[in-house]
Amino acid sequence: MTLEELRNQIDAIDNQLLVLMNARMNVVQQVGELKRSSQALIYRPEREKAIVDRLAHQSDGLLRSDAIEAIFQEIFAVARNIELPERIAYLGPEGSFTHQAAESRFGAMSEYDALPTIRSVFESVETGRAKFGIVPIENNQEGLVFETVDNLNEKDIRIAAEIVKPIHFAFATKAEKLSEIQRIYSKDIGFRQCKRFLDDYFSGYSVEIIPVESTSKAAKMASEDPYAAAICSDIAGKIYGVPVLFNNIQDSIVNRTRFLILAKEFDTMPSGNDKTTVIVQFPNSDKSGTLSRFLREFEVYDINLTKLASHPSRQGDRFGFWFLMEFEGHAKDDKVQKIFRQIQSEIKWLGSYVKLVD
């Protein structure tokens, strides 16, 4: 078969796909009308996850589950914008890892606001300027992002879903040779997570290491300086026209960051594979055994506690603490309800959502 004949087959299949996509979007539009009439939520991450899992399970061709997810996340994003256009706030600037996380769930058609701080993302969602917000919550190499944790406690915001993304750093420069590079820009975390690369390639050079507020800013500065380089995302390098000389320069090949999708009001139905995040403060936290008795209940009811992090209350002159807790299960599960009815504590329910990471 000739190349032209194969291309004609592809064109014919594309024509069929277009007809099917339009048919799907016609149904989506009807769903949107029903949701608006009943004030139902447009974004249903648990439903999207179920669709991807079902399709991945029945696929017997070349498409693997990650490819199916990538394709259908864009389809879902287009569908949501047909149902109701979305404005998404994220921790900027453009080209940041948070930007990439946002686009992986909300696609190219959504309206995006790149905001300078995590607090500003929370406030944008809280005031209704944005429907959803995307912020980092933890990195498996660096730990929790405490600014996000603080705002979860302070703001009236819910967690709608989580996004887990691999973090790949690139080395971008306009310099012709490594020996010409005099300055390297990056965010402090970029330098920490790419230390082995810097030691291997620049230990014999006199190079100035310059921390900046974001890896995207690093790419912008490298674009304006022919004797500079940036440790950034490959997307930031492309945005600012800085050639990527090396990809995947991070020390760990399993570097991942978890991001949260924030919403003003959000409520999901149990999917059977959920995670719940709460903030707990014990009125009698200075009483012996208060925390241990609480934790024992999770063992009694066979609930897997996946995270327990203490955080200073910053109230008065006492060394008080509250706890960020995550556990497997949904807030509507009977055994979860039993635990929190039995324990005397102040609970802020942040959200139950589809679990993507163990």
Protein backbone atom coordinates (compact mmCIF):
# COMPACT_ATOMS: atom_id res chain seq x y z
CA MET A 1 0.00 0.00 0.00
CA THR A 2 1.33 3.43 -0.93
CA LEU A 3 1.85 6.38 1.41
CA GLU A 4 -0.94 8.29 -0.35
CA GLU A 5 -3.35 5.38 0.16
CA LEU A 6 -2.49 5.22 3.86
CA ARG A 7 -3.03 8.96 4.20
CA ASN A 8 -6.40 8.61 2.49
CA GLN A 9 -7.34 5.99 5.10
CA ILE A 10 -6.34 8.37 7.88
CA ASP A 11 -8.40 11.15 6.32
CA ALA A 12 -11.43 8.87 6.12
CA ILE A 13 -11.04 7.86 9.78
CA ASP A 14 -10.64 11.52 10.80
CA ASN A 15 -13.90 12.31 9.01
CA GLN A 16 -15.64 9.59 11.02
CA LEU A 17 -14.08 10.89 14.25
CA LEU A 18 -15.36 14.39 13.52
CA VAL A 19 -18.91 13.10 13.01
CA LEU A 20 -18.72 11.14 16.28
CA MET A 21 -17.22 14.07 18.20
CA ASN A 22 -19.99 16.37 17.03
CA ALA A 23 -22.56 13.75 18.06
CA ARG A 24 -20.92 13.51 21.48
CA MET A 25 -20.92 17.29 21.91
CA ASN A 26 -24.60 17.47 20.96
CA VAL A 27 -25.37 15.10 23.84
CA VAL A 28 -23.02 17.11 26.09
CA GLN A 29 -24.98 20.25 25.30
CA GLN A 30 -28.20 18.54 26.40
CA VAL A 31 -26.49 17.38 29.60
CA GLY A 32 -25.40 20.96 30.24
CA GLU A 33 -28.96 22.23 29.88
CA LEU A 34 -30.19 19.63 32.39
CA LYS A 35 -27.41 20.50 34.84
CA ARG A 36 -28.11 24.23 34.62
CA SER A 37 -31.83 23.68 35.22
CA SER A 38 -31.07 21.60 38.34
CA GLN A 39 -28.07 23.68 39.51
CA ALA A 40 -25.88 20.56 39.21
CA LEU A 41 -22.10 20.72 39.01
CA ILE A 42 -20.53 20.77 35.55
CA TYR A 43 -17.13 19.38 36.57
CA ARG A 44 -17.40 15.77 37.76
CA PRO A 45 -13.85 14.38 38.13
CA GLU A 46 -15.11 11.05 39.44
CA ARG A 47 -17.21 10.58 36.28
CA GLU A 48 -14.26 11.50 34.05
CA LYS A 49 -11.99 9.06 35.90
CA ALA A 50 -14.56 6.28 35.49
CA ILE A 51 -14.75 6.92 31.73
CA VAL A 52 -10.96 6.82 31.31
CA ASP A 53 -10.67 3.65 33.40
CA ARG A 54 -13.43 1.94 31.43
CA LEU A 55 -11.89 2.81 28.06
CA ALA A 56 -8.37 1.86 29.16
CA HIS A 57 -9.66 -1.51 30.36
CA GLN A 58 -11.37 -2.35 27.07
CA SER A 59 -8.65 -1.00 24.74
CA ASP A 60 -6.93 -3.77 22.79
CA GLY A 61 -4.94 -1.57 20.39
CA LEU A 62 -1.87 0.63 20.48
CA LEU A 63 -3.37 3.24 22.80
CA ARG A 64 -2.19 2.76 26.39
CA SER A 65 -4.01 4.12 29.42
CA ASP A 66 -1.85 7.28 29.64
CA ALA A 67 -2.50 8.08 25.98
CA ILE A 68 -6.23 7.48 26.40
CA GLU A 69 -6.27 9.78 29.42
CA ALA A 70 -4.41 12.55 27.57
CA ILE A 71 -6.80 12.41 24.61
CA PHE A 72 -9.97 12.27 26.66
CA GLN A 73 -8.94 14.94 29.16
CA GLU A 74 -8.88 17.37 26.23
CA ILE A 75 -12.26 16.06 25.05
CA PHE A 76 -13.66 16.51 28.57
CA ALA A 77 -12.31 20.07 28.70
CA VAL A 78 -13.95 20.97 25.38
CA ALA A 79 -17.18 19.37 26.56
CA ARG A 80 -17.20 21.33 29.84
CA ASN A 81 -16.71 24.58 27.94
CA ILE A 82 -19.69 23.73 25.76
CA GLU A 83 -21.74 23.05 28.91
CA LEU A 84 -20.48 26.19 30.67
CA PRO A 85 -17.33 28.23 29.92
CA GLU A 86 -14.76 28.02 32.72
CA ARG A 87 -12.23 30.51 34.06
CA ILE A 88 -9.27 28.92 35.78
CA ALA A 89 -6.82 30.67 38.12
CA TYR A 90 -3.42 29.10 38.69
CA LEU A 91 -0.12 29.89 40.36
CA GLY A 92 1.78 31.55 37.55
CA PRO A 93 3.52 32.66 35.58
CA GLU A 94 2.71 31.19 32.18
CA GLY A 95 4.81 28.12 31.53
CA SER A 96 5.03 27.12 35.20
CA PHE A 97 4.49 23.53 36.29
CA THR A 98 1.17 24.61 37.80
CA HIS A 99 0.16 26.02 34.41
CA GLN A 100 0.92 22.64 32.83
CA ALA A 101 -1.14 20.89 35.52
CA ALA A 102 -4.07 23.24 34.87
CA GLU A 103 -4.03 22.67 31.12
CA SER A 104 -3.80 18.90 31.61
CA ARG A 105 -7.27 18.98 33.20
CA PHE A 106 -8.98 22.03 31.68
CA GLY A 107 -7.51 22.00 28.16
CA ALA A 108 -6.67 24.76 25.74
CA MET A 109 -10.17 26.26 25.46
CA SER A 110 -10.57 27.45 29.05
CA GLU A 111 -9.82 31.01 30.11
CA TYR A 112 -6.76 31.16 32.36
CA ASP A 113 -5.54 33.70 34.90
CA ALA A 114 -1.88 33.40 35.91
CA LEU A 115 -1.66 34.81 39.43
CA PRO A 116 1.49 35.71 41.41
CA THR A 117 0.83 33.93 44.71
CA ILE A 118 -0.99 30.92 46.10
CA ARG A 119 -3.09 33.23 48.29
CA SER A 120 -4.23 35.20 45.23
CA VAL A 121 -5.44 31.95 43.61
CA PHE A 122 -7.47 31.11 46.73
CA GLU A 123 -8.95 34.62 46.80
CA SER A 124 -9.84 34.50 43.11
CA VAL A 125 -11.86 31.32 43.67
CA GLU A 126 -13.32 32.53 46.97
CA THR A 127 -14.63 35.74 45.39
CA GLY A 128 -15.96 33.99 42.30
CA ARG A 129 -13.58 35.65 39.85
CA ALA A 130 -12.48 32.15 38.83
CA LYS A 131 -14.52 28.96 38.86
CA PHE A 132 -11.53 26.79 39.77
CA GLY A 133 -8.02 27.32 41.06
CA ILE A 134 -4.89 25.19 40.71
CA VAL A 135 -2.16 25.23 43.37
CA PRO A 136 0.63 22.83 44.38
CA ILE A 137 0.14 20.98 47.67
CA GLU A 138 3.24 18.76 47.88
CA ASN A 139 6.29 17.45 46.07
CA ASN A 140 7.54 13.96 46.80
CA GLN A 141 11.11 15.29 47.07
CA GLU A 142 10.46 18.53 48.98
CA GLY A 143 7.35 17.83 51.06
CA LEU A 144 4.28 19.99 51.73
CA VAL A 145 3.74 23.48 50.34
CA PHE A 146 2.93 25.27 53.58
CA GLU A 147 1.43 28.37 51.94
CA THR A 148 -1.23 26.10 50.41
CA VAL A 149 -1.80 24.36 53.75
CA ASP A 150 -2.22 27.73 55.53
CA ASN A 151 -4.78 28.91 53.00
CA LEU A 152 -6.74 25.68 53.18
CA ASN A 153 -7.16 26.40 56.87
CA GLU A 154 -7.94 30.11 56.50
CA LYS A 155 -10.14 30.27 53.40
CA ASP A 156 -13.64 28.97 52.77
CA ILE A 157 -12.58 26.73 49.89
CA ARG A 158 -13.15 23.10 48.94
CA ILE A 159 -10.91 20.57 47.18
CA ALA A 160 -12.60 19.34 44.01
CA ALA A 161 -9.87 17.00 42.76
CA GLU A 162 -6.14 16.35 42.69
CA ILE A 163 -3.66 16.27 39.82
CA VAL A 164 -0.40 14.35 40.02
CA LYS A 165 2.25 15.35 37.49
CA PRO A 166 5.84 14.21 36.93
CA ILE A 167 8.27 17.11 37.22
CA HIS A 168 10.91 17.28 34.49
CA PHE A 169 13.44 20.10 34.49
CA ALA A 170 15.15 21.25 31.30
CA PHE A 171 18.37 23.19 30.75
CA ALA A 172 17.74 25.97 28.26
CA THR A 173 20.21 28.48 26.84
CA LYS A 174 21.02 30.58 23.78
CA ALA A 175 24.75 30.10 24.33
CA GLU A 176 26.57 28.10 21.68
CA LYS A 177 28.84 26.31 24.19
CA LEU A 178 28.62 25.43 27.86
CA SER A 179 31.89 27.28 28.45
CA GLU A 180 30.19 30.54 27.37
CA ILE A 181 27.56 30.36 30.13
CA GLN A 182 28.23 32.83 32.90
CA ARG A 183 24.89 32.80 34.75
CA ILE A 184 22.24 30.17 35.47
CA TYR A 185 18.77 31.24 36.57
CA SER A 186 16.14 29.13 38.30
CA LYS A 187 13.82 28.94 41.28
CA ASP A 188 15.59 27.69 44.42
CA ILE A 189 13.81 24.34 44.21
CA GLY A 190 15.13 23.91 40.67
CA PHE A 191 18.72 24.25 41.84
CA ARG A 192 18.13 21.82 44.71
CA GLN A 193 16.52 19.18 42.54
CA CYS A 194 19.13 19.42 39.76
CA LYS A 195 22.26 19.57 41.93
CA ARG A 196 23.81 16.44 40.42
CA PHE A 197 23.53 17.88 36.90
CA LEU A 198 25.12 21.17 37.99
CA ASP A 199 27.96 19.33 39.72
CA ASP A 200 28.59 17.14 36.69
CA TYR A 201 28.55 19.88 34.05
CA PHE A 202 29.67 23.06 35.80
CA SER A 203 32.00 22.08 38.62
CA GLY A 204 34.97 23.26 36.52
CA TYR A 205 33.43 26.58 35.47
CA SER A 206 32.98 29.86 37.29
CA VAL A 207 29.24 30.22 36.89
CA GLU A 208 26.95 32.47 38.95
CA ILE A 209 23.87 30.68 40.35
CA ILE A 210 21.01 33.20 40.52
CA PRO A 211 17.71 32.26 42.24
CA VAL A 212 14.55 33.94 40.87
CA GLU A 213 10.89 33.68 41.85
CA SER A 214 9.90 31.09 39.23
CA THR A 215 11.34 28.79 36.59
CA SER A 216 9.34 30.70 33.97
CA LYS A 217 11.03 33.93 35.05
CA ALA A 218 14.34 32.08 34.70
CA ALA A 219 13.50 31.20 31.09
CA LYS A 220 12.53 34.80 30.35
CA MET A 221 15.82 36.11 31.76
CA ALA A 222 17.82 33.53 29.79
CA SER A 223 16.01 34.64 26.64
CA GLU A 224 17.40 38.16 27.15
CA ASP A 225 20.97 37.12 27.95
CA PRO A 226 23.12 35.18 25.42
CA TYR A 227 25.53 34.16 28.19
CA ALA A 228 22.88 32.81 30.55
CA ALA A 229 20.93 29.59 30.98
CA ALA A 230 17.77 28.57 32.80
CA ILE A 231 16.69 25.49 34.68
CA CYS A 232 13.00 25.47 33.82
CA SER A 233 10.24 23.44 32.24
CA ASP A 234 10.63 22.66 28.55
CA ILE A 235 7.33 24.50 27.98
CA ALA A 236 8.79 27.69 29.50
CA GLY A 237 11.79 27.35 27.20
CA LYS A 238 9.50 27.15 24.17
CA ILE A 239 7.33 30.06 25.32
CA TYR A 240 10.36 32.37 25.65
CA GLY A 241 12.23 31.04 22.64
CA VAL A 242 15.18 29.57 24.55
CA PRO A 243 16.53 26.34 23.00
CA VAL A 244 16.49 23.34 25.33
CA LEU A 245 19.98 21.86 25.43
CA PHE A 246 19.25 19.06 27.94
CA ASN A 247 15.97 17.51 29.08
CA ASN A 248 15.18 15.60 32.29
CA ILE A 249 18.10 16.97 34.29
CA GLN A 250 16.44 16.47 37.70
CA ASP A 251 18.27 14.23 40.19
CA SER A 252 15.28 11.94 40.77
CA ILE A 253 13.51 10.11 37.96
CA VAL A 254 10.41 9.82 40.17
CA ASN A 255 10.02 13.53 40.93
CA ARG A 256 6.30 14.23 41.21
CA THR A 257 4.16 17.12 42.41
CA ARG A 258 0.57 16.89 43.55
CA PHE A 259 -1.70 19.81 42.73
CA LEU A 260 -5.17 20.59 44.06
CA ILE A 261 -8.16 21.79 42.08
CA LEU A 262 -9.97 24.31 44.28
CA ALA A 263 -13.61 25.35 44.11
CA LYS A 264 -15.87 27.58 46.17
CA GLU A 265 -18.50 24.90 46.56
CA PHE A 266 -18.04 21.31 45.52
CA ASP A 267 -19.54 17.97 46.47
CA THR A 268 -18.74 14.58 44.95
CA MET A 269 -20.44 11.24 45.21
CA PRO A 270 -18.45 8.23 46.48
CA SER A 271 -16.63 6.48 43.63
CA GLY A 272 -15.17 3.55 45.59
CA ASN A 273 -11.66 4.94 45.17
CA ASP A 274 -11.70 8.20 47.11
CA LYS A 275 -9.50 10.28 49.35
CA THR A 276 -10.68 12.76 51.99
CA THR A 277 -8.78 15.77 53.32
CA VAL A 278 -9.71 17.43 56.61
CA ILE A 279 -8.24 19.84 59.12
CA VAL A 280 -8.64 18.72 62.72
CA GLN A 281 -8.09 20.69 65.89
CA PHE A 282 -8.54 19.06 69.29
CA PRO A 283 -9.95 21.31 72.03
CA ASN A 284 -8.11 19.19 74.60
CA SER A 285 -4.92 18.68 72.60
CA ASP A 286 -2.79 19.07 75.75
CA LYS A 287 -4.61 16.18 77.42
CA SER A 288 -2.63 12.94 77.44
CA GLY A 289 -3.63 10.42 74.75
CA THR A 290 -6.02 12.69 72.78
CA LEU A 291 -4.30 12.20 69.44
CA SER A 292 -3.49 8.51 69.94
CA ARG A 293 -7.12 7.68 70.79
CA PHE A 294 -8.26 9.50 67.65
CA LEU A 295 -5.78 7.65 65.43
CA ARG A 296 -6.70 4.31 66.98
CA GLU A 297 -10.22 4.69 65.58
CA PHE A 298 -8.83 4.59 62.03
CA GLU A 299 -7.30 1.19 62.78
CA VAL A 300 -10.52 -0.04 64.37
CA TYR A 301 -12.54 0.88 61.27
CA ASP A 302 -9.80 -0.26 58.84
CA ILE A 303 -9.31 3.15 57.24
CA ASN A 304 -5.90 3.87 55.75
CA LEU A 305 -4.53 7.17 57.04
CA THR A 306 -2.23 8.49 54.29
CA LYS A 307 -1.10 11.83 55.74
CA LEU A 308 -0.91 13.47 59.15
CA ALA A 309 0.92 16.80 59.37
CA SER A 310 0.87 19.13 62.35
CA HIS A 311 0.76 22.87 61.81
CA PRO A 312 1.16 25.69 64.34
CA SER A 313 -2.09 27.44 65.18
CA ARG A 314 -0.35 30.81 65.64
CA GLN A 315 -3.00 31.83 68.18
CA GLY A 316 -1.96 33.45 71.45
CA ASP A 317 1.27 32.57 73.19
CA ARG A 318 0.64 28.82 73.45
CA PHE A 319 2.32 26.21 71.27
CA GLY A 320 -0.95 25.00 69.80
CA PHE A 321 -1.33 22.86 66.70
CA TRP A 322 -3.91 21.74 64.22
CA PHE A 323 -3.53 18.76 61.89
CA LEU A 324 -3.90 18.31 58.15
CA MET A 325 -5.19 14.78 57.64
CA GLU A 326 -5.76 12.68 54.54
CA PHE A 327 -7.23 9.21 54.48
CA GLU A 328 -8.73 6.77 52.04
CA GLY A 329 -12.49 6.86 51.82
CA HIS A 330 -15.29 9.37 51.31
CA ALA A 331 -16.81 11.72 53.88
CA LYS A 332 -20.18 10.09 53.21
CA ASP A 333 -18.93 6.59 54.07
CA ASP A 334 -20.62 5.26 57.22
CA LYS A 335 -17.39 4.27 58.98
CA VAL A 336 -15.87 7.71 58.35
CA GLN A 337 -18.94 9.36 59.82
CA LYS A 338 -18.76 7.09 62.88
CA ILE A 339 -15.16 8.07 63.62
CA PHE A 340 -15.82 11.79 63.58
CA ARG A 341 -19.02 11.49 65.60
CA GLN A 342 -17.13 9.70 68.36
CA ILE A 343 -14.16 12.05 68.60
CA GLN A 344 -14.48 15.46 70.24
CA SER A 345 -12.70 17.71 67.77
CA GLU A 346 -13.15 20.70 65.51
CA ILE A 347 -13.25 19.45 61.92
CA LYS A 348 -13.00 21.38 58.68
CA TRP A 349 -14.01 19.13 55.81
CA LEU A 350 -11.97 20.21 52.79
CA GLY A 351 -13.17 17.64 50.32
CA SER A 352 -13.55 14.05 49.20
CA TYR A 353 -12.29 13.34 45.70
CA VAL A 354 -11.03 10.57 43.42
CA LYS A 355 -7.70 9.22 44.67
CA LEU A 356 -4.93 9.40 42.08
CA VAL A 357 -1.85 8.64 44.20
CA ASP A 358 -1.11 6.27 47.06
